[in-house]
């Protein structure tokens, strides 16, 4: 899960609620708008989010995008650099079918 916060604004009640709702999920907290004066209370955020979950970005000057890309690959894809050559199953039904023993029919 990517939770994007506007770092140029103070931490709102809605932000705190989203941080609380996602605290037990695989997540990356993106602090966007790093190109603007920062209003986000980093001390308050540090009490809610481990530093390793935070990525600072600016979409205006594209800073932090490489770090975000790397963190997404590590957290959600186990560090897979190129998923085009790797099969990824995200559907529970398909995953269950793949785990079932295969039946091989032999044509005579």
C-alpha atoms as a PDB file:
ATOM      1  CA  UNK A   1       0.000   0.000   0.000  1.00  0.00           C
ATOM      2  CA  UNK A   2       1.230   3.459  -0.838  1.00  0.00           C
ATOM      3  CA  UNK A   3       0.027   6.142   1.540  1.00  0.00           C
ATOM      4  CA  UNK A   4       0.838   9.562   0.091  1.00  0.00           C
ATOM      5  CA  UNK A   5       0.958  12.541   2.441  1.00  0.00           C
ATOM      6  CA  UNK A   6       1.353  16.185   1.477  1.00  0.00           C
ATOM      7  CA  UNK A   7       4.480  17.271   3.341  1.00  0.00           C
ATOM      8  CA  UNK A   8       3.690  20.930   2.674  1.00  0.00           C
ATOM      9  CA  UNK A   9       0.636  20.651   4.960  1.00  0.00           C
ATOM     10  CA  UNK A  10       0.336  19.859   8.680  1.00  0.00           C
ATOM     11  CA  UNK A  11      -0.611  16.290   9.579  1.00  0.00           C
ATOM     12  CA  UNK A  12      -4.418  16.224   9.447  1.00  0.00           C
ATOM     13  CA  UNK A  13      -6.817  14.048  11.437  1.00  0.00           C
ATOM     14  CA  UNK A  14      -7.552  12.121   8.225  1.00  0.00           C
ATOM     15  CA  UNK A  15      -3.814  11.480   7.751  1.00  0.00           C
ATOM     16  CA  UNK A  16      -3.541  10.135  11.296  1.00  0.00           C
ATOM     17  CA  UNK A  17      -6.568   7.915  10.734  1.00  0.00           C
ATOM     18  CA  UNK A  18      -5.098   6.484   7.522  1.00  0.00           C
ATOM     19  CA  UNK A  19      -1.756   5.912   9.241  1.00  0.00           C
ATOM     20  CA  UNK A  20      -3.529   4.062  12.038  1.00  0.00           C
ATOM     21  CA  UNK A  21      -5.677   1.975   9.665  1.00  0.00           C
ATOM     22  CA  UNK A  22      -2.599   0.880   7.685  1.00  0.00           C
ATOM     23  CA  UNK A  23      -0.112   0.393  10.522  1.00  0.00           C
ATOM     24  CA  UNK A  24      -0.250  -3.425  10.279  1.00  0.00           C
ATOM     25  CA  UNK A  25      -0.133  -3.529   6.468  1.00  0.00           C
ATOM     26  CA  UNK A  26       2.734  -3.685   4.027  1.00  0.00           C
ATOM     27  CA  UNK A  27       3.036  -0.013   3.242  1.00  0.00           C
ATOM     28  CA  UNK A  28       5.211   2.796   2.089  1.00  0.00           C
ATOM     29  CA  UNK A  29       4.461   6.270   3.381  1.00  0.00           C
ATOM     30  CA  UNK A  30       5.289   8.766   0.660  1.00  0.00           C
ATOM     31  CA  UNK A  31       5.948  12.319   1.802  1.00  0.00           C
ATOM     32  CA  UNK A  32       5.324  14.279  -1.369  1.00  0.00           C
ATOM     33  CA  UNK A  33       5.883  17.949  -2.230  1.00  0.00           C
ATOM     34  CA  UNK A  34       9.398  18.052  -0.815  1.00  0.00           C
ATOM     35  CA  UNK A  35      10.043  20.987  -3.160  1.00  0.00           C
ATOM     36  CA  UNK A  36       7.754  23.202  -1.037  1.00  0.00           C
ATOM     37  CA  UNK A  37       8.263  24.548   2.496  1.00  0.00           C
ATOM     38  CA  UNK A  38       7.603  21.667   4.889  1.00  0.00           C
ATOM     39  CA  UNK A  39       4.703  21.970   7.337  1.00  0.00           C
ATOM     40  CA  UNK A  40       4.425  18.310   8.300  1.00  0.00           C
ATOM     41  CA  UNK A  41       5.432  17.690  11.927  1.00  0.00           C
ATOM     42  CA  UNK A  42       8.166  15.090  11.489  1.00  0.00           C
ATOM     43  CA  UNK A  43       8.384  14.423  15.245  1.00  0.00           C
ATOM     44  CA  UNK A  44       4.684  13.529  15.334  1.00  0.00           C
ATOM     45  CA  UNK A  45       5.066  11.401  12.214  1.00  0.00           C
ATOM     46  CA  UNK A  46       8.067   9.582  13.730  1.00  0.00           C
ATOM     47  CA  UNK A  47       5.793   8.412  16.562  1.00  0.00           C
ATOM     48  CA  UNK A  48       3.385   6.907  14.001  1.00  0.00           C
ATOM     49  CA  UNK A  49       5.638   5.544  11.252  1.00  0.00           C
ATOM     50  CA  UNK A  50       9.006   3.766  11.314  1.00  0.00           C
ATOM     51  CA  UNK A  51      11.613   5.718   9.347  1.00  0.00           C
ATOM     52  CA  UNK A  52      12.240   2.761   6.992  1.00  0.00           C
ATOM     53  CA  UNK A  53       8.646   3.050   5.709  1.00  0.00           C
ATOM     54  CA  UNK A  54       9.066   6.714   4.686  1.00  0.00           C
ATOM     55  CA  UNK A  55      10.116   7.897   1.224  1.00  0.00           C
ATOM     56  CA  UNK A  56      10.413  11.615   0.449  1.00  0.00           C
ATOM     57  CA  UNK A  57       9.462  12.705  -3.047  1.00  0.00           C
ATOM     58  CA  UNK A  58       8.699  15.656  -5.244  1.00  0.00           C
ATOM     59  CA  UNK A  59       6.763  14.954  -8.391  1.00  0.00           C
ATOM     60  CA  UNK A  60       7.589  18.455  -9.611  1.00  0.00           C
ATOM     61  CA  UNK A  61      11.329  17.803  -9.869  1.00  0.00           C
ATOM     62  CA  UNK A  62      10.990  13.971  -9.788  1.00  0.00           C
ATOM     63  CA  UNK A  63      13.227  13.631  -6.746  1.00  0.00           C
ATOM     64  CA  UNK A  64      12.842  10.494  -4.680  1.00  0.00           C
ATOM     65  CA  UNK A  65      11.149   8.539  -7.468  1.00  0.00           C
ATOM     66  CA  UNK A  66      14.078   6.129  -7.839  1.00  0.00           C
ATOM     67  CA  UNK A  67      14.054   5.459  -4.081  1.00  0.00           C
ATOM     68  CA  UNK A  68      10.294   4.904  -4.222  1.00  0.00           C
ATOM     69  CA  UNK A  69      10.653   2.505  -7.151  1.00  0.00           C
ATOM     70  CA  UNK A  70      13.337   0.547  -5.289  1.00  0.00           C
ATOM     71  CA  UNK A  71      11.257   0.398  -2.104  1.00  0.00           C
ATOM     72  CA  UNK A  72       8.198  -0.836  -4.043  1.00  0.00           C
ATOM     73  CA  UNK A  73      10.264  -3.596  -5.641  1.00  0.00           C
ATOM     74  CA  UNK A  74      11.739  -4.642  -2.304  1.00  0.00           C
ATOM     75  CA  UNK A  75       8.539  -4.551  -0.295  1.00  0.00           C
ATOM     76  CA  UNK A  76       6.003  -5.873  -2.766  1.00  0.00           C
ATOM     77  CA  UNK A  77       8.033  -7.913  -5.245  1.00  0.00           C
ATOM     78  CA  UNK A  78      10.826  -9.242  -3.040  1.00  0.00           C
ATOM     79  CA  UNK A  79      13.461  -7.238  -4.906  1.00  0.00           C
ATOM     80  CA  UNK A  80      12.571  -8.621  -8.351  1.00  0.00           C
ATOM     81  CA  UNK A  81      14.083  -6.190 -10.823  1.00  0.00           C
ATOM     82  CA  UNK A  82      12.231  -7.359 -13.917  1.00  0.00           C
ATOM     83  CA  UNK A  83       8.927  -9.082 -13.343  1.00  0.00           C
ATOM     84  CA  UNK A  84       8.401  -9.732 -17.073  1.00  0.00           C
ATOM     85  CA  UNK A  85      10.295 -13.013 -16.804  1.00  0.00           C
ATOM     86  CA  UNK A  86       8.675 -14.018 -13.513  1.00  0.00           C
ATOM     87  CA  UNK A  87       5.180 -15.344 -13.018  1.00  0.00           C
ATOM     88  CA  UNK A  88       3.344 -13.614 -10.203  1.00  0.00           C
ATOM     89  CA  UNK A  89      -0.007 -14.955  -9.035  1.00  0.00           C
ATOM     90  CA  UNK A  90      -2.091 -12.469  -7.063  1.00  0.00           C
ATOM     91  CA  UNK A  91      -5.465 -14.212  -7.193  1.00  0.00           C
ATOM     92  CA  UNK A  92      -6.144 -16.548  -4.245  1.00  0.00           C
ATOM     93  CA  UNK A  93      -8.181 -18.983  -6.362  1.00  0.00           C
ATOM     94  CA  UNK A  94      -5.415 -19.295  -8.951  1.00  0.00           C
ATOM     95  CA  UNK A  95      -2.821 -19.709  -6.231  1.00  0.00           C
ATOM     96  CA  UNK A  96      -4.841 -22.538  -4.680  1.00  0.00           C
ATOM     97  CA  UNK A  97      -5.203 -24.278  -8.038  1.00  0.00           C
ATOM     98  CA  UNK A  98      -1.453 -24.109  -8.615  1.00  0.00           C
ATOM     99  CA  UNK A  99      -0.832 -25.780  -5.239  1.00  0.00           C
ATOM    100  CA  UNK A 100      -3.109 -28.743  -5.991  1.00  0.00           C
ATOM    101  CA  UNK A 101      -1.466 -31.966  -7.153  1.00  0.00           C
ATOM    102  CA  UNK A 102      -1.367 -32.239 -10.914  1.00  0.00           C
ATOM    103  CA  UNK A 103      -3.215 -34.995 -12.669  1.00  0.00           C
ATOM    104  CA  UNK A 104      -1.424 -36.249 -15.710  1.00  0.00           C
ATOM    105  CA  UNK A 105      -3.442 -38.048 -18.328  1.00  0.00           C
ATOM    106  CA  UNK A 106      -1.518 -40.318 -20.616  1.00  0.00           C
ATOM    107  CA  UNK A 107      -2.715 -40.859 -24.144  1.00  0.00           C
ATOM    108  CA  UNK A 108      -2.000 -44.361 -25.434  1.00  0.00           C
END
